[in-house]
Amino acid sequence: MNNLDIEVNKCCDLLKEGKVIIYPTDTIWGIGCDATNFDAVERIYQIKERTKGKGLIVLVDSIEMLKDYVKNFPPIAPDIIKAAKNPLSIVYSESKGLAKNVSADSTICIRVVDNEFCKALIHKLGRPITSTSANLAGDKAPSIYVEITEQIKSSVDYVVQLYHDVLTKPKASTIIRLYEDNHFDVIRQ
């Protein structure tokens, strides 16, 4: 078994137990948990010292999984996702099957992730995971591992032991709000 498989298996077991991890994504380093576990999501708000008025991004491994967690799935969504050149998080009108506290209102922000570790972890878990930057609310988001503070690292149950030496600074995802009638608004580029 290679290091990726070892880390995926360990993190999957932890997430199933309701634990919180720091992990690499296709954008920046994130804090995550099982997006269907209310108590684990609640813990992320506490770790980040974040108010409940701001929801979390949810990561899925495929368009098929995405359809399982979005009510009134917009038919154009798969085409928009496939056409995106950069990571794209989409705000949908309403979710289903996720912890109620993942979102601050009825909308939900979900990204089909394009990262080997994340895809493998989500696939093995069989459920979406949350993603929020690995920092306290209001602080600068860490784009590389060495920028994550000791306070944040010591607040979670586990830190993924991969990609710590990567110094390429990724950027945050583009976020759009997609409506059932297939029109959208750009929230963040």
Protein backbone atom coordinates (compact mmCIF):
# COMPACT_ATOMS: atom_id res chain seq x y z
CA MET A 1 0.00 0.00 0.00
CA ASN A 2 1.37 3.43 -0.92
CA ASN A 3 1.34 6.57 1.24
CA LEU A 4 -1.76 7.97 -0.49
CA ASP A 5 -3.76 4.80 0.26
CA ILE A 6 -2.55 4.75 3.87
CA GLU A 7 -3.62 8.38 4.41
CA VAL A 8 -6.98 7.86 2.65
CA ASN A 9 -7.77 4.81 4.80
CA LYS A 10 -6.77 6.55 8.03
CA CYS A 11 -8.77 9.70 7.22
CA CYS A 12 -11.80 7.71 6.12
CA ASP A 13 -11.85 5.85 9.45
CA LEU A 14 -11.53 9.15 11.35
CA LEU A 15 -14.30 10.85 9.38
CA LYS A 16 -16.62 7.90 9.99
CA GLU A 17 -15.99 8.43 13.73
CA GLY A 18 -17.02 12.10 13.44
CA LYS A 19 -13.48 13.45 13.60
CA VAL A 20 -12.10 16.62 11.98
CA ILE A 21 -9.01 16.69 9.74
CA ILE A 22 -6.73 19.17 7.95
CA TYR A 23 -6.16 18.06 4.38
CA PRO A 24 -4.97 19.24 0.95
CA THR A 25 -7.60 20.09 -1.66
CA ASP A 26 -7.50 21.17 -5.30
CA THR A 27 -7.32 24.75 -4.02
CA ILE A 28 -5.96 25.53 -0.55
CA TRP A 29 -5.45 23.47 2.63
CA GLY A 30 -8.78 22.82 4.31
CA ILE A 31 -10.44 21.72 7.51
CA GLY A 32 -12.96 18.99 6.86
CA CYS A 33 -15.34 16.43 8.23
CA ASP A 34 -18.18 14.20 7.04
CA ALA A 35 -20.65 16.73 5.60
CA THR A 36 -23.58 14.61 6.82
CA ASN A 37 -22.45 14.68 10.48
CA PHE A 38 -24.05 17.61 12.38
CA ASP A 39 -21.76 17.36 15.45
CA ALA A 40 -18.58 17.20 13.36
CA VAL A 41 -19.67 20.26 11.34
CA GLU A 42 -20.44 22.07 14.60
CA ARG A 43 -16.88 21.38 15.76
CA ILE A 44 -15.43 23.03 12.66
CA TYR A 45 -17.27 26.28 13.50
CA GLN A 46 -15.77 26.08 17.00
CA ILE A 47 -12.23 25.37 15.72
CA LYS A 48 -12.37 28.30 13.30
CA GLU A 49 -14.17 30.57 15.80
CA ARG A 50 -16.58 31.19 12.94
CA THR A 51 -20.11 32.55 13.20
CA LYS A 52 -22.95 30.38 11.98
CA GLY A 53 -23.95 32.99 9.39
CA LYS A 54 -21.41 31.68 6.91
CA GLY A 55 -21.80 28.18 5.47
CA LEU A 56 -19.09 25.72 4.47
CA ILE A 57 -18.17 24.45 1.01
CA VAL A 58 -18.94 20.78 0.46
CA LEU A 59 -16.74 18.58 -1.73
CA VAL A 60 -17.97 15.61 -3.78
CA ASP A 61 -15.98 13.21 -5.95
CA SER A 62 -18.22 13.21 -9.04
CA ILE A 63 -21.21 14.73 -10.77
CA GLU A 64 -23.12 11.55 -9.88
CA MET A 65 -22.51 12.14 -6.17
CA LEU A 66 -23.37 15.82 -6.59
CA LYS A 67 -26.84 14.88 -7.92
CA ASP A 68 -27.48 12.89 -4.72
CA TYR A 69 -27.10 16.01 -2.54
CA VAL A 70 -28.79 18.78 -4.57
CA LYS A 71 -32.58 19.24 -4.74
CA ASN A 72 -33.91 20.39 -8.13
CA PHE A 73 -30.55 19.74 -9.80
CA PRO A 74 -30.05 22.27 -12.64
CA PRO A 75 -29.61 20.32 -15.92
CA ILE A 76 -26.83 22.62 -17.13
CA ALA A 77 -24.63 22.03 -14.05
CA PRO A 78 -22.61 19.09 -15.51
CA ASP A 79 -21.77 21.12 -18.65
CA ILE A 80 -20.62 24.11 -16.58
CA ILE A 81 -18.49 21.88 -14.33
CA LYS A 82 -16.86 20.08 -17.27
CA ALA A 83 -16.14 23.39 -19.06
CA ALA A 84 -14.48 25.04 -16.02
CA LYS A 85 -10.73 25.49 -16.41
CA ASN A 86 -10.18 26.20 -12.69
CA PRO A 87 -11.76 24.74 -9.53
CA LEU A 88 -15.43 25.78 -9.50
CA SER A 89 -17.69 25.84 -6.46
CA ILE A 90 -21.38 26.21 -7.26
CA VAL A 91 -24.09 27.53 -4.95
CA TYR A 92 -27.32 25.59 -5.46
CA SER A 93 -30.78 26.55 -4.15
CA GLU A 94 -31.21 23.63 -1.78
CA SER A 95 -29.39 20.55 -0.55
CA LYS A 96 -30.61 17.16 0.58
CA GLY A 97 -28.98 14.62 2.85
CA LEU A 98 -26.37 16.97 4.33
CA ALA A 99 -26.04 18.18 7.91
CA LYS A 100 -28.35 21.19 8.37
CA ASN A 101 -25.54 23.33 9.83
CA VAL A 102 -23.31 23.02 6.74
CA SER A 103 -25.25 25.94 5.29
CA ALA A 104 -26.38 29.24 6.81
CA ASP A 105 -29.60 29.22 4.77
CA SER A 106 -31.32 26.90 2.29
CA THR A 107 -28.54 27.23 -0.31
CA ILE A 108 -25.49 24.97 -0.46
CA CYS A 109 -22.06 25.49 -2.06
CA ILE A 110 -20.60 22.31 -3.57
CA ARG A 111 -17.50 21.58 -5.65
CA VAL A 112 -16.70 18.47 -7.65
CA VAL A 113 -13.11 18.17 -6.52
CA ASP A 114 -10.19 17.50 -8.84
CA ASN A 115 -7.47 16.34 -6.45
CA GLU A 116 -6.19 12.79 -6.18
CA PHE A 117 -6.27 12.64 -2.39
CA CYS A 118 -9.72 14.27 -2.03
CA LYS A 119 -11.33 12.17 -4.75
CA ALA A 120 -9.98 8.96 -3.21
CA LEU A 121 -11.06 9.96 0.32
CA ILE A 122 -14.58 11.01 -0.68
CA HIS A 123 -15.00 7.90 -2.84
CA LYS A 124 -13.91 5.60 0.00
CA LEU A 125 -16.09 7.45 2.55
CA GLY A 126 -19.05 7.35 0.16
CA ARG A 127 -20.25 10.75 1.35
CA PRO A 128 -19.27 14.39 0.78
CA ILE A 129 -16.81 16.17 3.06
CA THR A 130 -16.75 19.81 4.18
CA SER A 131 -14.05 22.19 3.13
CA THR A 132 -13.15 25.48 4.73
CA SER A 133 -9.76 27.15 4.85
CA ALA A 134 -7.43 25.93 7.61
CA ASN A 135 -7.36 29.18 9.58
CA LEU A 136 -9.26 31.10 12.23
CA ALA A 137 -12.18 33.14 10.90
CA GLY A 138 -10.89 36.48 9.63
CA ASP A 139 -7.25 35.38 9.30
CA LYS A 140 -5.47 34.92 5.97
CA ALA A 141 -6.20 31.54 4.40
CA PRO A 142 -3.11 29.31 4.17
CA SER A 143 -2.41 28.35 0.56
CA ILE A 144 0.51 26.07 1.47
CA TYR A 145 0.98 23.77 4.44
CA VAL A 146 3.68 25.80 6.22
CA GLU A 147 1.25 28.73 6.54
CA ILE A 148 -1.14 26.75 8.79
CA THR A 149 -0.80 27.90 12.39
CA GLU A 150 0.01 25.54 15.26
CA GLN A 151 -3.24 26.61 16.94
CA ILE A 152 -5.28 25.26 14.03
CA LYS A 153 -3.18 22.09 13.66
CA SER A 154 -3.54 21.27 17.35
CA SER A 155 -7.33 21.87 17.26
CA VAL A 156 -8.13 19.04 14.83
CA ASP A 157 -7.93 15.27 15.25
CA TYR A 158 -5.53 14.62 12.38
CA VAL A 159 -3.38 16.40 9.78
CA VAL A 160 -2.87 14.57 6.47
CA GLN A 161 0.80 13.65 6.10
CA LEU A 162 1.09 14.36 2.37
CA TYR A 163 2.13 17.39 0.28
CA HIS A 164 3.68 19.33 3.20
CA ASP A 165 6.64 20.24 0.99
CA VAL A 166 4.59 21.62 -1.93
CA LEU A 167 5.30 25.33 -2.25
CA THR A 168 3.15 26.13 -5.29
CA LYS A 169 0.48 28.53 -4.14
CA PRO A 170 -2.93 27.57 -5.53
CA LYS A 171 -5.82 29.97 -5.64
CA ALA A 172 -9.27 29.69 -4.13
CA SER A 173 -12.07 28.35 -6.31
CA THR A 174 -14.33 30.45 -8.48
CA ILE A 175 -17.83 30.54 -6.94
CA ILE A 176 -21.04 30.93 -8.93
CA ARG A 177 -24.70 30.87 -7.91
CA LEU A 178 -26.60 28.56 -10.28
CA TYR A 179 -30.38 28.74 -10.49
CA GLU A 180 -32.87 26.06 -11.55
CA ASP A 181 -33.65 28.01 -14.75
CA ASN A 182 -29.96 27.57 -15.73
CA HIS A 183 -28.85 31.20 -15.33
CA PHE A 184 -26.04 32.06 -12.92
CA ASP A 185 -24.29 34.90 -11.12
CA VAL A 186 -20.53 35.03 -10.43
CA ILE A 187 -19.86 35.48 -6.70
CA ARG A 188 -16.04 35.14 -6.66
CA GLN A 189 -13.60 34.85 -9.54
